[in-house]
Amino acid sequence: MGFEGQSIVRGLAADRRRRQRTTLAPIHDLDYRAWMAQEASREERWRALLDGDDPRLSKPRPLFKHIPSPPRCKLCCAPFGRPGSLILGPMGYRAWSKNPTLCDACVRSLGNKGLGGAEIELSFLFADVRGSTTIAEQVGPSAFTTLLNRFYDAVSRAVIDNDGLVDKFVGDEVVAFFVPAFSPAYAAAAVAAARESLDVTGHGDPAGPWIPVGIGVHTGVAFVGSVGSEGGGVADFTALGDPVNVTARLASEAGPGEILITESTVVASGLSTVALERRELNLRGRQERIVVFVDRVGSSLSGPTR
């Protein structure tokens, strides 16, 4: 094909592409608008769930958390251990095979909404075993595992008793968060759970704690919802965002028996910090210093605790 023929072919191809763009652009635009509307509707459904306007997940929790025994669904607190599992398991509240931290009933409810969530304000609690490397070296693997399991159980009960969600165990750390749907006074509940966690690990005992724990509590806007793979794959209910990272850093900065509480948590909870130590910290990965207040067992932290 000569140069002139090539030019004609290129011209026809360019004209065809222009016609396709002209024809398809309105369709693509409509598809995009429909997709955006669908996503907005999904986010609103999630926001209703997380803010407590949709009671399907939060309604059974006050009852289920008192039925023995752990482990439990992180959302509704349905017991996976006996004797409670013998009653609730056949009703659909058995551990989901793809993620044993959730029950089948909650997975079905979340599945109706699909993967997704909403950005909401909530509070986070990270409880960290201080000096765990030295402890593990001193007591040996089996004894250290037993000690950690006791720690997981004690702090989990403190979180659940204060209407928090135990998100996960990460090494020597318990990760939890408090959402409005389960705890309307979520910031105060997180502080109360932190104080109870120090109590149950013996930080108020004259002989000292049976395990040294430092805790970070922070409040901020994060994404909360169901994440994972589409099409019936593995999924989880969790929280993601910068507040998660901040709280993890706080826990690593807290000394044994200390709770580091951020200003945002103080404001959201309405707590008075007159009697508490004030610190400014340089957290790893952050340019600005962060102000925290240090609470300990026996500190006079006035104001609402729930």
Protein backbone atom coordinates (compact mmCIF):
# COMPACT_ATOMS: atom_id res chain seq x y z
CA MET A 1 0.00 0.00 0.00
CA GLY A 2 1.35 3.35 -1.01
CA PHE A 3 1.75 6.41 1.17
CA GLU A 4 -1.56 7.85 -0.02
CA GLY A 5 -3.40 4.61 0.76
CA GLN A 6 -1.85 4.47 4.23
CA SER A 7 -2.99 8.05 4.87
CA ILE A 8 -6.56 7.17 3.86
CA VAL A 9 -6.58 4.13 6.16
CA ARG A 10 -5.25 6.17 9.07
CA GLY A 11 -7.83 8.85 8.41
CA LEU A 12 -10.69 6.32 8.37
CA ALA A 13 -9.41 4.73 11.60
CA ALA A 14 -9.21 8.11 13.30
CA ASP A 15 -12.72 8.98 12.14
CA ARG A 16 -14.03 5.66 13.47
CA ARG A 17 -12.43 6.29 16.85
CA ARG A 18 -14.01 9.77 17.01
CA ARG A 19 -17.45 8.30 16.23
CA GLN A 20 -16.97 5.64 18.91
CA ARG A 21 -16.06 8.26 21.51
CA THR A 22 -19.06 10.37 20.54
CA THR A 23 -21.39 7.36 20.71
CA LEU A 24 -20.02 5.72 23.84
CA ALA A 25 -19.24 8.75 25.98
CA PRO A 26 -22.85 9.33 27.09
CA ILE A 27 -23.22 5.61 27.86
CA HIS A 28 -20.01 5.55 29.88
CA ASP A 29 -21.11 8.71 31.67
CA LEU A 30 -24.45 7.15 32.55
CA ASP A 31 -22.73 3.98 33.76
CA TYR A 32 -20.38 6.04 35.92
CA ARG A 33 -23.24 8.05 37.42
CA ALA A 34 -25.18 4.86 38.12
CA TRP A 35 -22.12 3.30 39.73
CA MET A 36 -21.54 6.39 41.88
CA ALA A 37 -25.19 6.37 42.99
CA GLN A 38 -24.94 2.68 43.86
CA GLU A 39 -21.75 3.25 45.86
CA ALA A 40 -23.31 6.20 47.70
CA SER A 41 -26.35 4.09 48.56
CA ARG A 42 -24.11 1.28 49.82
CA GLU A 43 -22.12 3.68 51.97
CA GLU A 44 -25.31 5.09 53.47
CA ARG A 45 -26.47 1.59 54.39
CA TRP A 46 -23.14 0.93 56.05
CA ARG A 47 -23.26 4.26 57.86
CA ALA A 48 -26.70 3.40 59.24
CA LEU A 49 -25.30 0.10 60.49
CA LEU A 50 -22.22 1.65 62.10
CA ASP A 51 -24.04 4.61 63.65
CA GLY A 52 -26.63 2.32 65.23
CA ASP A 53 -29.60 3.25 63.04
CA ASP A 54 -29.72 -0.34 61.71
CA PRO A 55 -30.01 -2.62 64.78
CA ARG A 56 -29.60 -5.99 63.06
CA LEU A 57 -26.02 -6.49 64.26
CA SER A 58 -26.08 -4.58 67.55
CA LYS A 59 -29.40 -5.88 68.91
CA PRO A 60 -28.29 -9.37 70.08
CA ARG A 61 -24.93 -8.25 71.51
CA PRO A 62 -26.08 -7.16 75.02
CA LEU A 63 -27.53 -10.65 75.58
CA PHE A 64 -24.94 -12.77 73.79
CA LYS A 65 -21.93 -11.31 75.61
CA HIS A 66 -23.18 -12.80 78.89
CA ILE A 67 -23.65 -16.32 77.51
CA PRO A 68 -20.59 -18.57 78.03
CA SER A 69 -18.13 -19.20 76.60
CA PRO A 70 -15.36 -17.73 74.42
CA PRO A 71 -14.14 -17.51 71.71
CA ARG A 72 -16.85 -15.21 70.36
CA CYS A 73 -18.03 -13.52 67.18
CA LYS A 74 -16.31 -10.12 67.14
CA LEU A 75 -19.56 -8.42 66.11
CA CYS A 76 -22.55 -9.96 67.92
CA CYS A 77 -20.55 -11.69 70.70
CA ALA A 78 -22.20 -15.07 69.99
CA PRO A 79 -20.24 -17.71 71.94
CA PHE A 80 -18.43 -20.36 69.91
CA GLY A 81 -17.56 -22.30 73.06
CA ARG A 82 -19.87 -24.50 75.08
CA PRO A 83 -22.50 -24.41 76.46
CA GLY A 84 -23.72 -21.35 74.52
CA SER A 85 -22.68 -22.76 71.15
CA LEU A 86 -24.94 -25.78 71.65
CA ILE A 87 -27.94 -23.45 71.69
CA LEU A 88 -26.93 -20.66 69.31
CA GLY A 89 -24.90 -22.71 66.84
CA PRO A 90 -27.91 -24.48 65.26
CA MET A 91 -29.56 -21.03 64.95
CA GLY A 92 -26.78 -19.88 62.62
CA TYR A 93 -24.47 -18.30 65.17
CA ARG A 94 -21.61 -20.74 64.59
CA ALA A 95 -18.08 -19.75 63.58
CA TRP A 96 -17.76 -18.98 59.89
CA SER A 97 -15.50 -21.51 58.18
CA LYS A 98 -13.53 -18.82 56.28
CA ASN A 99 -12.97 -16.52 59.25
CA PRO A 100 -13.60 -17.96 62.74
CA THR A 101 -13.76 -14.50 64.33
CA LEU A 102 -17.19 -13.97 62.72
CA CYS A 103 -20.37 -16.04 62.94
CA ASP A 104 -22.39 -17.26 59.96
CA ALA A 105 -25.33 -14.99 60.88
CA CYS A 106 -23.23 -11.82 60.89
CA VAL A 107 -21.51 -12.82 57.66
CA ARG A 108 -24.92 -13.23 56.00
CA SER A 109 -25.98 -9.81 57.26
CA LEU A 110 -22.75 -8.21 56.06
CA GLY A 111 -23.00 -10.10 52.78
CA ASN A 112 -26.34 -8.46 52.06
CA LYS A 113 -24.48 -5.17 52.03
CA GLY A 114 -21.49 -6.50 50.06
CA LEU A 115 -17.90 -5.54 50.62
CA GLY A 116 -17.68 -1.93 51.69
CA GLY A 117 -18.15 0.34 54.63
CA ALA A 118 -18.15 3.99 55.62
CA GLU A 119 -15.85 6.57 57.14
CA ILE A 120 -16.96 7.31 60.69
CA GLU A 121 -15.45 8.66 63.88
CA LEU A 122 -14.58 5.92 66.36
CA SER A 123 -12.07 5.10 69.07
CA PHE A 124 -9.21 2.60 69.07
CA LEU A 125 -7.44 0.71 71.84
CA PHE A 126 -4.12 -1.08 71.45
CA ALA A 127 -2.86 -3.00 74.50
CA ASP A 128 0.76 -4.09 74.24
CA VAL A 129 2.83 -6.38 76.47
CA ARG A 130 5.91 -4.40 77.42
CA GLY A 131 9.24 -6.21 77.50
CA SER A 132 7.74 -9.29 75.86
CA THR A 133 11.05 -10.33 74.25
CA THR A 134 12.75 -10.53 77.64
CA ILE A 135 9.78 -12.34 79.20
CA ALA A 136 9.72 -14.92 76.39
CA GLU A 137 13.44 -15.52 76.82
CA GLN A 138 13.10 -15.98 80.59
CA VAL A 139 10.07 -18.31 80.74
CA GLY A 140 10.33 -20.33 77.51
CA PRO A 141 7.93 -20.80 74.58
CA SER A 142 5.19 -22.88 76.23
CA ALA A 143 4.94 -20.78 79.38
CA PHE A 144 5.01 -17.59 77.31
CA THR A 145 2.16 -18.87 75.14
CA THR A 146 0.12 -19.65 78.25
CA LEU A 147 0.83 -16.16 79.59
CA LEU A 148 -0.19 -14.51 76.32
CA ASN A 149 -3.43 -16.50 76.16
CA ARG A 150 -4.25 -15.30 79.67
CA PHE A 151 -3.48 -11.73 78.58
CA TYR A 152 -5.65 -12.05 75.44
CA ASP A 153 -8.55 -13.38 77.50
CA ALA A 154 -8.31 -10.74 80.25
CA VAL A 155 -8.09 -7.73 77.90
CA SER A 156 -10.74 -9.14 75.54
CA ARG A 157 -13.19 -9.40 78.42
CA ALA A 158 -12.44 -5.81 79.43
CA VAL A 159 -13.09 -4.65 75.85
CA ILE A 160 -16.31 -6.65 75.45
CA ASP A 161 -17.61 -5.58 78.86
CA ASN A 162 -17.30 -1.99 77.63
CA ASP A 163 -19.03 -2.74 74.30
CA GLY A 164 -15.89 -2.70 72.17
CA LEU A 165 -14.95 -4.99 69.28
CA VAL A 166 -11.84 -7.14 69.60
CA ASP A 167 -10.40 -6.79 66.12
CA LYS A 168 -7.40 -9.09 66.33
CA PHE A 169 -4.43 -10.38 68.30
CA VAL A 170 -1.13 -9.29 66.76
CA GLY A 171 1.83 -10.95 68.43
CA ASP A 172 1.83 -9.59 71.99
CA GLU A 173 -0.87 -7.00 71.31
CA VAL A 174 -4.67 -6.81 71.51
CA VAL A 175 -6.29 -4.53 68.91
CA ALA A 176 -9.82 -3.26 69.56
CA PHE A 177 -12.12 -0.52 68.36
CA PHE A 178 -15.32 1.11 69.57
CA VAL A 179 -18.05 2.17 67.12
CA PRO A 180 -21.21 4.20 67.81
CA ALA A 181 -23.52 1.28 66.89
CA PHE A 182 -22.33 -0.78 69.85
CA SER A 183 -21.15 1.99 72.15
CA PRO A 184 -22.68 5.46 71.64
CA ALA A 185 -20.16 6.92 74.13
CA TYR A 186 -17.37 5.20 72.21
CA ALA A 187 -14.46 7.39 73.35
CA ALA A 188 -15.32 7.14 77.04
CA ALA A 189 -15.91 3.40 76.61
CA ALA A 190 -12.42 2.96 75.12
CA VAL A 191 -10.84 4.75 78.09
CA ALA A 192 -12.90 2.67 80.52
CA ALA A 193 -11.81 -0.54 78.77
CA ALA A 194 -8.18 0.57 78.93
CA ARG A 195 -8.38 1.23 82.67
CA GLU A 196 -10.11 -2.10 83.23
CA SER A 197 -7.39 -3.82 81.19
CA LEU A 198 -4.76 -2.48 83.59
CA ASP A 199 -6.85 -3.60 86.55
CA VAL A 200 -7.30 -7.18 85.31
CA THR A 201 -3.60 -7.53 84.51
CA GLY A 202 -2.73 -6.65 88.10
CA HIS A 203 -1.34 -3.14 87.73
CA GLY A 204 -3.16 -2.06 90.87
CA ASP A 205 -1.88 -4.97 92.97
CA PRO A 206 0.75 -4.25 95.65
CA ALA A 207 2.91 -7.07 94.27
CA GLY A 208 2.76 -5.61 90.77
CA PRO A 209 1.21 -6.86 87.53
CA TRP A 210 1.33 -10.48 86.45
CA ILE A 211 2.13 -9.12 82.97
CA PRO A 212 3.35 -5.57 82.15
CA VAL A 213 1.01 -3.76 79.75
CA GLY A 214 1.07 -0.37 78.03
CA ILE A 215 -2.01 0.97 76.22
CA GLY A 216 -2.75 3.57 73.57
CA VAL A 217 -6.23 5.09 73.07
CA HIS A 218 -7.00 7.34 70.12
CA THR A 219 -10.11 8.72 68.38
CA GLY A 220 -10.40 9.70 64.74
CA VAL A 221 -12.13 9.15 61.43
CA ALA A 222 -11.40 5.79 59.80
CA PHE A 223 -12.94 3.42 57.28
CA VAL A 224 -14.95 0.69 59.00
CA GLY A 225 -16.56 -2.17 57.16
CA SER A 226 -16.19 -5.48 55.40
CA VAL A 227 -12.98 -6.00 53.45
CA GLY A 228 -11.65 -8.99 51.55
CA SER A 229 -12.31 -10.79 48.30
CA GLU A 230 -15.55 -10.65 46.34
CA GLY A 231 -17.61 -13.66 45.32
CA GLY A 232 -17.92 -15.44 48.66
CA GLY A 233 -14.20 -15.43 49.41
CA VAL A 234 -12.50 -14.65 52.71
CA ALA A 235 -13.64 -11.38 54.29
CA ASP A 236 -13.30 -9.58 57.59
CA PHE A 237 -14.94 -6.74 59.49
CA THR A 238 -12.26 -4.27 60.47
CA ALA A 239 -11.12 -0.64 60.55
CA LEU A 240 -8.50 0.96 58.31
CA GLY A 241 -6.84 4.35 58.23
CA ASP A 242 -4.36 6.67 59.88
CA PRO A 243 -5.96 6.48 63.39
CA VAL A 244 -5.10 2.78 63.47
CA ASN A 245 -1.43 3.54 62.87
CA VAL A 246 -1.41 6.35 65.44
CA THR A 247 -2.88 4.11 68.14
CA ALA A 248 -0.34 1.37 67.41
CA ARG A 249 2.48 3.89 67.80
CA LEU A 250 1.00 5.15 71.08
CA ALA A 251 0.92 1.64 72.54
CA SER A 252 4.58 1.17 71.69
CA GLU A 253 5.39 4.44 73.50
CA ALA A 254 3.38 3.63 76.64
CA GLY A 255 5.33 2.35 79.61
CA PRO A 256 4.13 -0.53 81.81
CA GLY A 257 0.92 0.49 83.55
CA GLU A 258 0.41 3.58 81.36
CA ILE A 259 -2.52 4.56 79.13
CA LEU A 260 -1.65 7.24 76.57
CA ILE A 261 -4.84 9.12 75.66
CA THR A 262 -4.90 11.58 72.75
CA GLU A 263 -6.52 15.00 72.84
CA SER A 264 -9.14 13.89 70.32
CA THR A 265 -10.24 11.14 72.71
CA VAL A 266 -10.40 13.59 75.61
CA VAL A 267 -12.59 15.96 73.59
CA ALA A 268 -14.89 13.20 72.30
CA SER A 269 -15.31 11.65 75.76
CA GLY A 270 -15.69 14.85 77.77
CA LEU A 271 -13.12 13.68 80.30
CA SER A 272 -11.19 16.03 82.55
CA THR A 273 -7.39 15.73 82.46
CA VAL A 274 -6.57 18.17 85.25
CA ALA A 275 -4.85 15.50 87.33
CA LEU A 276 -3.06 13.78 84.45
CA GLU A 277 0.45 14.18 83.10
CA ARG A 278 0.66 15.85 79.68
CA ARG A 279 3.25 14.72 77.13
CA GLU A 280 4.20 15.65 73.58
CA LEU A 281 5.43 12.73 71.52
CA ASN A 282 7.29 12.35 68.25
CA LEU A 283 5.67 9.28 66.72
CA ARG A 284 7.56 7.35 64.08
CA GLY A 285 6.42 8.23 60.58
CA ARG A 286 4.68 11.48 61.59
CA GLN A 287 6.00 15.02 61.17
CA GLU A 288 3.91 16.77 63.82
CA ARG A 289 4.20 16.07 67.53
CA ILE A 290 1.11 14.61 69.18
CA VAL A 291 -0.22 15.60 72.60
CA VAL A 292 -1.27 12.79 74.95
CA PHE A 293 -2.40 12.51 78.56
CA VAL A 294 -1.04 9.74 80.74
CA ASP A 295 -3.49 7.75 82.83
CA ARG A 296 -2.51 5.10 85.35
CA VAL A 297 -4.31 2.87 87.82
CA GLY A 298 -5.47 5.12 90.65
CA SER A 299 -5.29 8.34 88.60
CA SER A 300 -8.10 10.82 89.11
CA LEU A 301 -9.67 10.86 85.66
CA SER A 302 -12.95 12.64 86.21
CA GLY A 303 -15.91 12.79 83.88
CA PRO A 304 -18.11 10.13 82.30
CA THR A 305 -16.63 6.65 82.01
CA ARG A 306 -19.32 5.21 79.70
